[in-house]
Amino acid sequence: MSTDIDFKACTILERLSEELADATVDYCCTQDMHEFQITRKGLKHEVGFLERVLELRDLPDIEQVVKRLVEELKSSTQSRRIRVGSATPA
């Protein structure tokens, strides 16, 4: 894992924590997946970014994705599992 990928993962964690201030956000990295576990209003969400996405995408692009994800999670009435960069929905 490169310093650039670490920085992008930390930025995602910061944005999710700031935008979902009423949630608990945890982070872990397993093999090629950067996973964020979000607990908000009794719902548990999982958001995963493939390492390849963090490697190839610029930070402004990633921040736009995070912004859209936050809006989805805020309006969600059920737990979600989202994978960014996966060809098939989870």
PDB file of N, CA and C in Angstrom:
ATOM      1  N   MET A   1       0.856  -1.176   0.000  1.00  0.00           N
ATOM      2  CA  MET A   1       0.000   0.000   0.000  1.00  0.00           C
ATOM      3  C   MET A   1       0.897   1.232   0.000  1.00  0.00           C
ATOM      4  N   SER A   2       0.573   2.185  -0.847  1.00  0.00           N
ATOM      5  CA  SER A   2       1.389   3.386  -0.962  1.00  0.00           C
ATOM      6  C   SER A   2       0.902   4.486  -0.023  1.00  0.00           C
ATOM      7  N   THR A   3       1.745   5.472   0.154  1.00  0.00           N
ATOM      8  CA  THR A   3       1.384   6.621   0.977  1.00  0.00           C
ATOM      9  C   THR A   3       0.187   7.352   0.381  1.00  0.00           C
ATOM     10  N   ASP A   4       0.109   7.422  -0.947  1.00  0.00           N
ATOM     11  CA  ASP A   4      -1.007   8.088  -1.623  1.00  0.00           C
ATOM     12  C   ASP A   4      -2.322   7.367  -1.328  1.00  0.00           C
ATOM     13  N   ILE A   5      -2.293   6.044  -1.364  1.00  0.00           N
ATOM     14  CA  ILE A   5      -3.496   5.266  -1.073  1.00  0.00           C
ATOM     15  C   ILE A   5      -3.889   5.438   0.391  1.00  0.00           C
ATOM     16  N   ASP A   6      -2.900   5.419   1.284  1.00  0.00           N
ATOM     17  CA  ASP A   6      -3.168   5.659   2.715  1.00  0.00           C
ATOM     18  C   ASP A   6      -3.838   7.008   2.922  1.00  0.00           C
ATOM     19  N   PHE A   7      -3.321   8.035   2.252  1.00  0.00           N
ATOM     20  CA  PHE A   7      -3.868   9.383   2.381  1.00  0.00           C
ATOM     21  C   PHE A   7      -5.316   9.427   1.904  1.00  0.00           C
ATOM     22  N   LYS A   8      -5.594   8.782   0.782  1.00  0.00           N
ATOM     23  CA  LYS A   8      -6.957   8.764   0.239  1.00  0.00           C
ATOM     24  C   LYS A   8      -7.904   8.018   1.177  1.00  0.00           C
ATOM     25  N   ALA A   9      -7.465   6.892   1.724  1.00  0.00           N
ATOM     26  CA  ALA A   9      -8.294   6.134   2.674  1.00  0.00           C
ATOM     27  C   ALA A   9      -8.577   6.965   3.927  1.00  0.00           C
ATOM     28  N   CYS A  10      -7.562   7.667   4.420  1.00  0.00           N
ATOM     29  CA  CYS A  10      -7.757   8.537   5.596  1.00  0.00           C
ATOM     30  C   CYS A  10      -8.719   9.671   5.283  1.00  0.00           C
ATOM     31  N   THR A  11      -8.634  10.216   4.086  1.00  0.00           N
ATOM     32  CA  THR A  11      -9.538  11.290   3.675  1.00  0.00           C
ATOM     33  C   THR A  11     -10.977  10.781   3.621  1.00  0.00           C
ATOM     34  N   ILE A  12     -11.174   9.583   3.100  1.00  0.00           N
ATOM     35  CA  ILE A  12     -12.528   9.000   3.071  1.00  0.00           C
ATOM     36  C   ILE A  12     -13.055   8.857   4.488  1.00  0.00           C
ATOM     37  N   LEU A  13     -12.228   8.326   5.387  1.00  0.00           N
ATOM     38  CA  LEU A  13     -12.624   8.153   6.783  1.00  0.00           C
ATOM     39  C   LEU A  13     -13.000   9.493   7.408  1.00  0.00           C
ATOM     40  N   GLU A  14     -12.200  10.513   7.175  1.00  0.00           N
ATOM     41  CA  GLU A  14     -12.490  11.851   7.707  1.00  0.00           C
ATOM     42  C   GLU A  14     -13.806  12.395   7.163  1.00  0.00           C
ATOM     43  N   ARG A  15     -14.013  12.278   5.856  1.00  0.00           N
ATOM     44  CA  ARG A  15     -15.243  12.813   5.239  1.00  0.00           C
ATOM     45  C   ARG A  15     -16.478  12.088   5.759  1.00  0.00           C
ATOM     46  N   LEU A  16     -16.409  10.769   5.832  1.00  0.00           N
ATOM     47  CA  LEU A  16     -17.553  10.016   6.346  1.00  0.00           C
ATOM     48  C   LEU A  16     -17.851  10.399   7.791  1.00  0.00           C
ATOM     49  N   SER A  17     -16.808  10.543   8.596  1.00  0.00           N
ATOM     50  CA  SER A  17     -16.994  10.908  10.009  1.00  0.00           C
ATOM     51  C   SER A  17     -17.559  12.312  10.162  1.00  0.00           C
ATOM     52  N   GLU A  18     -17.101  13.233   9.319  1.00  0.00           N
ATOM     53  CA  GLU A  18     -17.592  14.615   9.382  1.00  0.00           C
ATOM     54  C   GLU A  18     -19.031  14.718   8.896  1.00  0.00           C
ATOM     55  N   GLU A  19     -19.319  14.103   7.763  1.00  0.00           N
ATOM     56  CA  GLU A  19     -20.639  14.231   7.149  1.00  0.00           C
ATOM     57  C   GLU A  19     -21.708  13.400   7.860  1.00  0.00           C
ATOM     58  N   LEU A  20     -21.284  12.340   8.524  1.00  0.00           N
ATOM     59  CA  LEU A  20     -22.206  11.496   9.285  1.00  0.00           C
ATOM     60  C   LEU A  20     -21.826  11.596  10.765  1.00  0.00           C
ATOM     61  N   ALA A  21     -21.905  12.816  11.268  1.00  0.00           N
ATOM     62  CA  ALA A  21     -21.444  13.104  12.630  1.00  0.00           C
ATOM     63  C   ALA A  21     -22.214  12.312  13.688  1.00  0.00           C
ATOM     64  N   ASP A  22     -23.425  11.883  13.364  1.00  0.00           N
ATOM     65  CA  ASP A  22     -24.230  11.115  14.306  1.00  0.00           C
ATOM     66  C   ASP A  22     -23.975   9.608  14.183  1.00  0.00           C
ATOM     67  N   ALA A  23     -22.939   9.231  13.447  1.00  0.00           N
ATOM     68  CA  ALA A  23     -22.626   7.823  13.214  1.00  0.00           C
ATOM     69  C   ALA A  23     -21.271   7.463  13.812  1.00  0.00           C
ATOM     70  N   THR A  24     -21.078   6.167  13.981  1.00  0.00           N
ATOM     71  CA  THR A  24     -19.769   5.628  14.336  1.00  0.00           C
ATOM     72  C   THR A  24     -19.179   5.066  13.050  1.00  0.00           C
ATOM     73  N   VAL A  25     -17.963   5.486  12.723  1.00  0.00           N
ATOM     74  CA  VAL A  25     -17.323   5.035  11.492  1.00  0.00           C
ATOM     75  C   VAL A  25     -16.004   4.355  11.850  1.00  0.00           C
ATOM     76  N   ASP A  26     -15.861   3.113  11.433  1.00  0.00           N
ATOM     77  CA  ASP A  26     -14.631   2.355  11.644  1.00  0.00           C
ATOM     78  C   ASP A  26     -14.037   1.997  10.295  1.00  0.00           C
ATOM     79  N   TYR A  27     -12.733   1.750  10.290  1.00  0.00           N
ATOM     80  CA  TYR A  27     -12.015   1.458   9.047  1.00  0.00           C
ATOM     81  C   TYR A  27     -11.152   0.223   9.220  1.00  0.00           C
ATOM     82  N   CYS A  28     -11.098  -0.587   8.187  1.00  0.00           N
ATOM     83  CA  CYS A  28     -10.117  -1.677   8.152  1.00  0.00           C
ATOM     84  C   CYS A  28      -9.753  -1.940   6.694  1.00  0.00           C
ATOM     85  N   CYS A  29      -8.577  -2.477   6.515  1.00  0.00           N
ATOM     86  CA  CYS A  29      -8.082  -2.796   5.177  1.00  0.00           C
ATOM     87  C   CYS A  29      -7.773  -4.287   5.136  1.00  0.00           C
ATOM     88  N   THR A  30      -8.386  -4.978   4.189  1.00  0.00           N
ATOM     89  CA  THR A  30      -8.137  -6.403   4.008  1.00  0.00           C
ATOM     90  C   THR A  30      -7.771  -6.656   2.558  1.00  0.00           C
ATOM     91  N   GLN A  31      -6.623  -7.212   2.331  1.00  0.00           N
ATOM     92  CA  GLN A  31      -6.095  -7.486   0.998  1.00  0.00           C
ATOM     93  C   GLN A  31      -6.244  -6.266   0.102  1.00  0.00           C
ATOM     94  N   ASP A  32      -7.157  -6.310  -0.854  1.00  0.00           N
ATOM     95  CA  ASP A  32      -7.282  -5.203  -1.803  1.00  0.00           C
ATOM     96  C   ASP A  32      -8.540  -4.371  -1.579  1.00  0.00           C
ATOM     97  N   MET A  33      -9.132  -4.458  -0.383  1.00  0.00           N
ATOM     98  CA  MET A  33     -10.374  -3.737  -0.091  1.00  0.00           C
ATOM     99  C   MET A  33     -10.204  -2.855   1.144  1.00  0.00           C
ATOM    100  N   HIS A  34     -10.578  -1.596   1.001  1.00  0.00           N
ATOM    101  CA  HIS A  34     -10.587  -0.649   2.121  1.00  0.00           C
ATOM    102  C   HIS A  34     -12.038  -0.524   2.560  1.00  0.00           C
ATOM    103  N   GLU A  35     -12.334  -1.003   3.763  1.00  0.00           N
ATOM    104  CA  GLU A  35     -13.717  -1.087   4.222  1.00  0.00           C
ATOM    105  C   GLU A  35     -14.000  -0.104   5.356  1.00  0.00           C
ATOM    106  N   PHE A  36     -15.164   0.494   5.258  1.00  0.00           N
ATOM    107  CA  PHE A  36     -15.637   1.445   6.264  1.00  0.00           C
ATOM    108  C   PHE A  36     -16.956   0.912   6.806  1.00  0.00           C
ATOM    109  N   GLN A  37     -16.985   0.644   8.114  1.00  0.00           N
ATOM    110  CA  GLN A  37     -18.200   0.172   8.766  1.00  0.00           C
ATOM    111  C   GLN A  37     -18.851   1.376   9.438  1.00  0.00           C
ATOM    112  N   ILE A  38     -20.085   1.616   9.096  1.00  0.00           N
ATOM    113  CA  ILE A  38     -20.806   2.797   9.572  1.00  0.00           C
ATOM    114  C   ILE A  38     -22.049   2.341  10.323  1.00  0.00           C
ATOM    115  N   THR A  39     -22.162   2.772  11.564  1.00  0.00           N
ATOM    116  CA  THR A  39     -23.359   2.479  12.349  1.00  0.00           C
ATOM    117  C   THR A  39     -24.056   3.798  12.606  1.00  0.00           C
ATOM    118  N   ARG A  40     -25.307   3.889  12.125  1.00  0.00           N
ATOM    119  CA  ARG A  40     -26.056   5.142  12.230  1.00  0.00           C
ATOM    120  C   ARG A  40     -27.538   4.830  12.403  1.00  0.00           C
ATOM    121  N   LYS A  41     -28.119   5.385  13.432  1.00  0.00           N
ATOM    122  CA  LYS A  41     -29.549   5.229  13.702  1.00  0.00           C
ATOM    123  C   LYS A  41     -29.979   3.763  13.687  1.00  0.00           C
ATOM    124  N   GLY A  42     -29.163   2.917  14.316  1.00  0.00           N
ATOM    125  CA  GLY A  42     -29.486   1.504  14.429  1.00  0.00           C
ATOM    126  C   GLY A  42     -29.209   0.671  13.188  1.00  0.00           C
ATOM    127  N   LEU A  43     -28.727   1.306  12.127  1.00  0.00           N
ATOM    128  CA  LEU A  43     -28.418   0.595  10.884  1.00  0.00           C
ATOM    129  C   LEU A  43     -26.908   0.426  10.746  1.00  0.00           C
ATOM    130  N   LYS A  44     -26.499  -0.707  10.212  1.00  0.00           N
ATOM    131  CA  LYS A  44     -25.082  -0.955   9.971  1.00  0.00           C
ATOM    132  C   LYS A  44     -24.840  -1.014   8.470  1.00  0.00           C
ATOM    133  N   HIS A  45     -23.966  -0.146   8.018  1.00  0.00           N
ATOM    134  CA  HIS A  45     -23.626  -0.071   6.605  1.00  0.00           C
ATOM    135  C   HIS A  45     -22.162  -0.462   6.421  1.00  0.00           C
ATOM    136  N   GLU A  46     -21.871  -1.047   5.275  1.00  0.00           N
ATOM    137  CA  GLU A  46     -20.496  -1.353   4.895  1.00  0.00           C
ATOM    138  C   GLU A  46     -20.228  -0.684   3.551  1.00  0.00           C
ATOM    139  N   VAL A  47     -19.171   0.112   3.508  1.00  0.00           N
ATOM    140  CA  VAL A  47     -18.762   0.746   2.261  1.00  0.00           C
ATOM    141  C   VAL A  47     -17.326   0.319   1.998  1.00  0.00           C
ATOM    142  N   GLY A  48     -17.103  -0.279   0.850  1.00  0.00           N
ATOM    143  CA  GLY A  48     -15.766  -0.752   0.511  1.00  0.00           C
ATOM    144  C   GLY A  48     -15.261  -0.125  -0.772  1.00  0.00           C
ATOM    145  N   PHE A  49     -13.988   0.259  -0.749  1.00  0.00           N
ATOM    146  CA  PHE A  49     -13.322   0.793  -1.935  1.00  0.00           C
ATOM    147  C   PHE A  49     -12.224  -0.184  -2.334  1.00  0.00           C
ATOM    148  N   LEU A  50     -12.259  -0.656  -3.571  1.00  0.00           N
ATOM    149  CA  LEU A  50     -11.158  -1.470  -4.054  1.00  0.00           C
ATOM    150  C   LEU A  50      -9.880  -0.639  -4.047  1.00  0.00           C
ATOM    151  N   GLU A  51      -8.783  -1.252  -3.673  1.00  0.00           N
ATOM    152  CA  GLU A  51      -7.510  -0.529  -3.633  1.00  0.00           C
ATOM    153  C   GLU A  51      -7.173   0.055  -5.004  1.00  0.00           C
ATOM    154  N   ARG A  52      -7.536  -0.652  -6.041  1.00  0.00           N
ATOM    155  CA  ARG A  52      -7.262  -0.176  -7.404  1.00  0.00           C
ATOM    156  C   ARG A  52      -7.954   1.160  -7.672  1.00  0.00           C
ATOM    157  N   VAL A  53      -9.141   1.351  -7.131  1.00  0.00           N
ATOM    158  CA  VAL A  53      -9.859   2.624  -7.287  1.00  0.00           C
ATOM    159  C   VAL A  53      -9.059   3.747  -6.626  1.00  0.00           C
ATOM    160  N   LEU A  54      -8.581   3.485  -5.404  1.00  0.00           N
ATOM    161  CA  LEU A  54      -7.806   4.514  -4.701  1.00  0.00           C
ATOM    162  C   LEU A  54      -6.489   4.787  -5.410  1.00  0.00           C
ATOM    163  N   GLU A  55      -5.952   3.785  -6.040  1.00  0.00           N
ATOM    164  CA  GLU A  55      -4.694   3.940  -6.762  1.00  0.00           C
ATOM    165  C   GLU A  55      -4.866   4.766  -8.033  1.00  0.00           C
ATOM    166  N   LEU A  56      -5.956   4.525  -8.767  1.00  0.00           N
ATOM    167  CA  LEU A  56      -6.121   5.133 -10.085  1.00  0.00           C
ATOM    168  C   LEU A  56      -6.882   6.448 -10.106  1.00  0.00           C
ATOM    169  N   ARG A  57      -7.720   6.672  -9.119  1.00  0.00           N
ATOM    170  CA  ARG A  57      -8.559   7.882  -9.124  1.00  0.00           C
ATOM    171  C   ARG A  57      -7.907   9.011  -8.344  1.00  0.00           C
ATOM    172  N   ASP A  58      -8.158  10.228  -8.816  1.00  0.00           N
ATOM    173  CA  ASP A  58      -7.672  11.416  -8.120  1.00  0.00           C
ATOM    174  C   ASP A  58      -8.569  11.691  -6.916  1.00  0.00           C
ATOM    175  N   LEU A  59      -8.017  12.369  -5.928  1.00  0.00           N
ATOM    176  CA  LEU A  59      -8.746  12.657  -4.701  1.00  0.00           C
ATOM    177  C   LEU A  59     -10.057  13.404  -4.943  1.00  0.00           C
ATOM    178  N   PRO A  60     -10.115  14.421  -5.811  1.00  0.00           N
ATOM    179  CA  PRO A  60     -11.409  15.097  -6.049  1.00  0.00           C
ATOM    180  C   PRO A  60     -12.488  14.142  -6.563  1.00  0.00           C
ATOM    181  N   ASP A  61     -12.109  13.175  -7.395  1.00  0.00           N
ATOM    182  CA  ASP A  61     -13.077  12.185  -7.886  1.00  0.00           C
ATOM    183  C   ASP A  61     -13.589  11.322  -6.736  1.00  0.00           C
ATOM    184  N   ILE A  62     -12.697  10.895  -5.881  1.00  0.00           N
ATOM    185  CA  ILE A  62     -13.058  10.061  -4.734  1.00  0.00           C
ATOM    186  C   ILE A  62     -13.966  10.843  -3.788  1.00  0.00           C
ATOM    187  N   GLU A  63     -13.654  12.112  -3.562  1.00  0.00           N
ATOM    188  CA  GLU A  63     -14.480  12.924  -2.673  1.00  0.00           C
ATOM    189  C   GLU A  63     -15.896  13.102  -3.227  1.00  0.00           C
ATOM    190  N   GLN A  64     -16.045  13.183  -4.543  1.00  0.00           N
ATOM    191  CA  GLN A  64     -17.379  13.269  -5.148  1.00  0.00           C
ATOM    192  C   GLN A  64     -18.168  11.984  -4.907  1.00  0.00           C
ATOM    193  N   VAL A  65     -17.493  10.850  -5.018  1.00  0.00           N
ATOM    194  CA  VAL A  65     -18.150   9.565  -4.753  1.00  0.00           C
ATOM    195  C   VAL A  65     -18.583   9.504  -3.294  1.00  0.00           C
ATOM    196  N   VAL A  66     -17.714   9.918  -2.394  1.00  0.00           N
ATOM    197  CA  VAL A  66     -18.040   9.893  -0.962  1.00  0.00           C
ATOM    198  C   VAL A  66     -19.241  10.797  -0.683  1.00  0.00           C
ATOM    199  N   LYS A  67     -19.281  11.947  -1.316  1.00  0.00           N
ATOM    200  CA  LYS A  67     -20.407  12.869  -1.131  1.00  0.00           C
ATOM    201  C   LYS A  67     -21.725  12.210  -1.532  1.00  0.00           C
ATOM    202  N   ARG A  68     -21.732  11.507  -2.673  1.00  0.00           N
ATOM    203  CA  ARG A  68     -22.941  10.806  -3.122  1.00  0.00           C
ATOM    204  C   ARG A  68     -23.300   9.660  -2.170  1.00  0.00           C
ATOM    205  N   LEU A  69     -22.291   8.943  -1.705  1.00  0.00           N
ATOM    206  CA  LEU A  69     -22.535   7.846  -0.764  1.00  0.00           C
ATOM    207  C   LEU A  69     -23.153   8.353   0.529  1.00  0.00           C
ATOM    208  N   VAL A  70     -22.659   9.476   1.029  1.00  0.00           N
ATOM    209  CA  VAL A  70     -23.194  10.058   2.258  1.00  0.00           C
ATOM    210  C   VAL A  70     -24.672  10.376   2.091  1.00  0.00           C
ATOM    211  N   GLU A  71     -25.038  10.958   0.965  1.00  0.00           N
ATOM    212  CA  GLU A  71     -26.449  11.273   0.717  1.00  0.00           C
ATOM    213  C   GLU A  71     -27.299  10.001   0.685  1.00  0.00           C
ATOM    214  N   GLU A  72     -26.772   8.953   0.058  1.00  0.00           N
ATOM    215  CA  GLU A  72     -27.499   7.680   0.024  1.00  0.00           C
ATOM    216  C   GLU A  72     -27.675   7.117   1.428  1.00  0.00           C
ATOM    217  N   LEU A  73     -26.619   7.151   2.218  1.00  0.00           N
ATOM    218  CA  LEU A  73     -26.687   6.584   3.564  1.00  0.00           C
ATOM    219  C   LEU A  73     -27.603   7.400   4.473  1.00  0.00           C
ATOM    220  N   LYS A  74     -27.596   8.703   4.304  1.00  0.00           N
ATOM    221  CA  LYS A  74     -28.470   9.550   5.126  1.00  0.00           C
ATOM    222  C   LYS A  74     -29.944   9.254   4.871  1.00  0.00           C
ATOM    223  N   SER A  75     -30.267   8.904   3.652  1.00  0.00           N
ATOM    224  CA  SER A  75     -31.670   8.658   3.319  1.00  0.00           C
ATOM    225  C   SER A  75     -32.057   7.178   3.406  1.00  0.00           C
ATOM    226  N   SER A  76     -31.110   6.339   3.726  1.00  0.00           N
ATOM    227  CA  SER A  76     -31.363   4.901   3.753  1.00  0.00           C
ATOM    228  C   SER A  76     -32.208   4.494   4.947  1.00  0.00           C
ATOM    229  N   THR A  77     -33.133   3.589   4.696  1.00  0.00           N
ATOM    230  CA  THR A  77     -33.984   3.062   5.762  1.00  0.00           C
ATOM    231  C   THR A  77     -33.642   1.615   6.088  1.00  0.00           C
ATOM    232  N   GLN A  78     -32.604   1.090   5.424  1.00  0.00           N
ATOM    233  CA  GLN A  78     -32.137  -0.261   5.708  1.00  0.00           C
ATOM    234  C   GLN A  78     -30.624  -0.311   5.581  1.00  0.00           C
ATOM    235  N   SER A  79     -30.032  -1.322   6.189  1.00  0.00           N
ATOM    236  CA  SER A  79     -28.579  -1.481   6.125  1.00  0.00           C
ATOM    237  C   SER A  79     -28.147  -1.668   4.675  1.00  0.00           C
ATOM    238  N   ARG A  80     -26.967  -1.121   4.373  1.00  0.00           N
ATOM    239  CA  ARG A  80     -26.457  -1.174   2.993  1.00  0.00           C
ATOM    240  C   ARG A  80     -25.066  -1.775   2.972  1.00  0.00           C
ATOM    241  N   ARG A  81     -24.745  -2.430   1.873  1.00  0.00           N
ATOM    242  CA  ARG A  81     -23.389  -2.913   1.597  1.00  0.00           C
ATOM    243  C   ARG A  81     -23.043  -2.411   0.206  1.00  0.00           C
ATOM    244  N   ILE A  82     -22.080  -1.495   0.155  1.00  0.00           N
ATOM    245  CA  ILE A  82     -21.734  -0.825  -1.105  1.00  0.00           C
ATOM    246  C   ILE A  82     -20.266  -1.110  -1.404  1.00  0.00           C
ATOM    247  N   ARG A  83     -19.980  -1.483  -2.639  1.00  0.00           N
ATOM    248  CA  ARG A  83     -18.616  -1.712  -3.090  1.00  0.00           C
ATOM    249  C   ARG A  83     -18.324  -0.757  -4.227  1.00  0.00           C
ATOM    250  N   VAL A  84     -17.307   0.074  -4.042  1.00  0.00           N
ATOM    251  CA  VAL A  84     -16.905   1.031  -5.076  1.00  0.00           C
ATOM    252  C   VAL A  84     -15.787   0.412  -5.895  1.00  0.00           C
ATOM    253  N   GLY A  85     -16.040   0.263  -7.201  1.00  0.00           N
ATOM    254  CA  GLY A  85     -15.043  -0.314  -8.092  1.00  0.00           C
ATOM    255  C   GLY A  85     -15.320  -1.754  -8.433  1.00  0.00           C
ATOM    256  N   SER A  86     -16.392  -2.277  -7.900  1.00  0.00           N
ATOM    257  CA  SER A  86     -16.777  -3.663  -8.185  1.00  0.00           C
ATOM    258  C   SER A  86     -17.668  -3.678  -9.413  1.00  0.00           C
ATOM    259  N   ALA A  87     -17.425  -4.628 -10.291  1.00  0.00           N
ATOM    260  CA  ALA A  87     -18.228  -4.730 -11.514  1.00  0.00           C
ATOM    261  C   ALA A  87     -19.647  -5.218 -11.209  1.00  0.00           C
ATOM    262  N   THR A  88     -19.791  -5.936 -10.111  1.00  0.00           N
ATOM    263  CA  THR A  88     -21.117  -6.454  -9.752  1.00  0.00           C
ATOM    264  C   THR A  88     -21.534  -5.874  -8.427  1.00  0.00           C
ATOM    265  N   PRO A  89     -22.779  -5.450  -8.281  1.00  0.00           N
ATOM    266  CA  PRO A  89     -23.244  -4.890  -7.020  1.00  0.00           C
ATOM    267  C   PRO A  89     -23.212  -5.946  -5.918  1.00  0.00           C
ATOM    268  N   ALA A  90     -22.915  -5.486  -4.714  1.00  0.00           N
ATOM    269  CA  ALA A  90     -22.856  -6.412  -3.577  1.00  0.00           C
ATOM    270  C   ALA A  90     -24.201  -6.515  -2.902  1.00  0.00           C
TER     271      ALA A  90
END
